[in-house]
């Protein structure tokens, strides 16, 4: 790994973080869909967390697209 440049290490870290971020966003969305289908009222903390994650996800996507 010592022959990797700083740029390739940085891009690897960013790709892994984006992958984790996407996984968390999809997981939360699936949980929300299941709760809606089963007509379960989400816990009080679920909606603010879900809103924050979705806002952050789309905010970073908009920033990436605007570059």
Protein backbone atom coordinates (compact mmCIF):
# COMPACT_ATOMS: atom_id res chain seq x y z
CA UNK A 1 0.00 0.00 0.00
CA UNK A 2 3.03 2.28 0.28
CA UNK A 3 3.12 2.71 -3.51
CA UNK A 4 -0.35 4.31 -3.59
CA UNK A 5 -0.42 8.07 -4.00
CA UNK A 6 -2.26 10.32 -1.58
CA UNK A 7 -4.86 11.07 -4.25
CA UNK A 8 -5.71 7.40 -4.80
CA UNK A 9 -5.93 6.78 -1.03
CA UNK A 10 -8.20 9.81 -0.69
CA UNK A 11 -10.44 8.70 -3.55
CA UNK A 12 -10.63 5.19 -2.05
CA UNK A 13 -11.76 6.62 1.29
CA UNK A 14 -14.37 8.83 -0.42
CA UNK A 15 -15.72 5.88 -2.44
CA UNK A 16 -16.07 3.77 0.71
CA UNK A 17 -17.82 6.58 2.58
CA UNK A 18 -20.22 7.13 -0.32
CA UNK A 19 -20.93 3.41 -0.36
CA UNK A 20 -21.72 3.41 3.38
CA UNK A 21 -23.81 6.56 3.02
CA UNK A 22 -25.82 5.01 0.20
CA UNK A 23 -26.32 1.80 2.18
CA UNK A 24 -27.61 3.72 5.22
CA UNK A 25 -29.92 5.84 3.06
CA UNK A 26 -31.38 2.80 1.27
CA UNK A 27 -31.79 0.95 4.59
CA UNK A 28 -33.64 3.84 6.21
CA UNK A 29 -35.83 4.27 3.14
CA UNK A 30 -36.75 0.58 3.15
CA UNK A 31 -37.57 0.75 6.86
CA UNK A 32 -39.78 3.79 6.22
CA UNK A 33 -41.58 2.03 3.35
CA UNK A 34 -42.20 -1.07 5.47
CA UNK A 35 -43.58 1.05 8.30
CA UNK A 36 -45.92 2.82 5.86
CA UNK A 37 -47.13 -0.43 4.29
CA UNK A 38 -47.73 -2.05 7.67
CA UNK A 39 -49.33 1.19 8.95
CA UNK A 40 -46.94 1.37 11.88
CA UNK A 41 -46.39 4.80 13.37
CA UNK A 42 -42.64 5.52 13.23
CA UNK A 43 -40.88 6.22 16.52
CA UNK A 44 -40.51 9.89 17.44
CA UNK A 45 -36.81 9.97 16.56
CA UNK A 46 -37.07 8.12 13.24
CA UNK A 47 -38.55 10.95 11.17
CA UNK A 48 -35.97 13.63 12.16
CA UNK A 49 -33.09 11.19 11.62
CA UNK A 50 -34.51 10.04 8.28
CA UNK A 51 -35.07 13.63 7.14
CA UNK A 52 -31.53 14.61 8.12
CA UNK A 53 -29.94 11.66 6.32
CA UNK A 54 -31.99 12.18 3.15
CA UNK A 55 -31.26 15.93 3.19
CA UNK A 56 -27.55 15.31 3.66
CA UNK A 57 -27.49 12.66 0.94
CA UNK A 58 -29.22 14.82 -1.65
CA UNK A 59 -27.27 17.89 -0.52
CA UNK A 60 -23.96 16.19 -1.16
CA UNK A 61 -25.26 14.84 -4.49
CA UNK A 62 -26.24 18.36 -5.58
CA UNK A 63 -22.83 19.65 -4.54
CA UNK A 64 -21.10 16.89 -6.51
CA UNK A 65 -23.21 17.55 -9.61
CA UNK A 66 -22.55 21.30 -9.40
CA UNK A 67 -18.75 20.95 -9.56
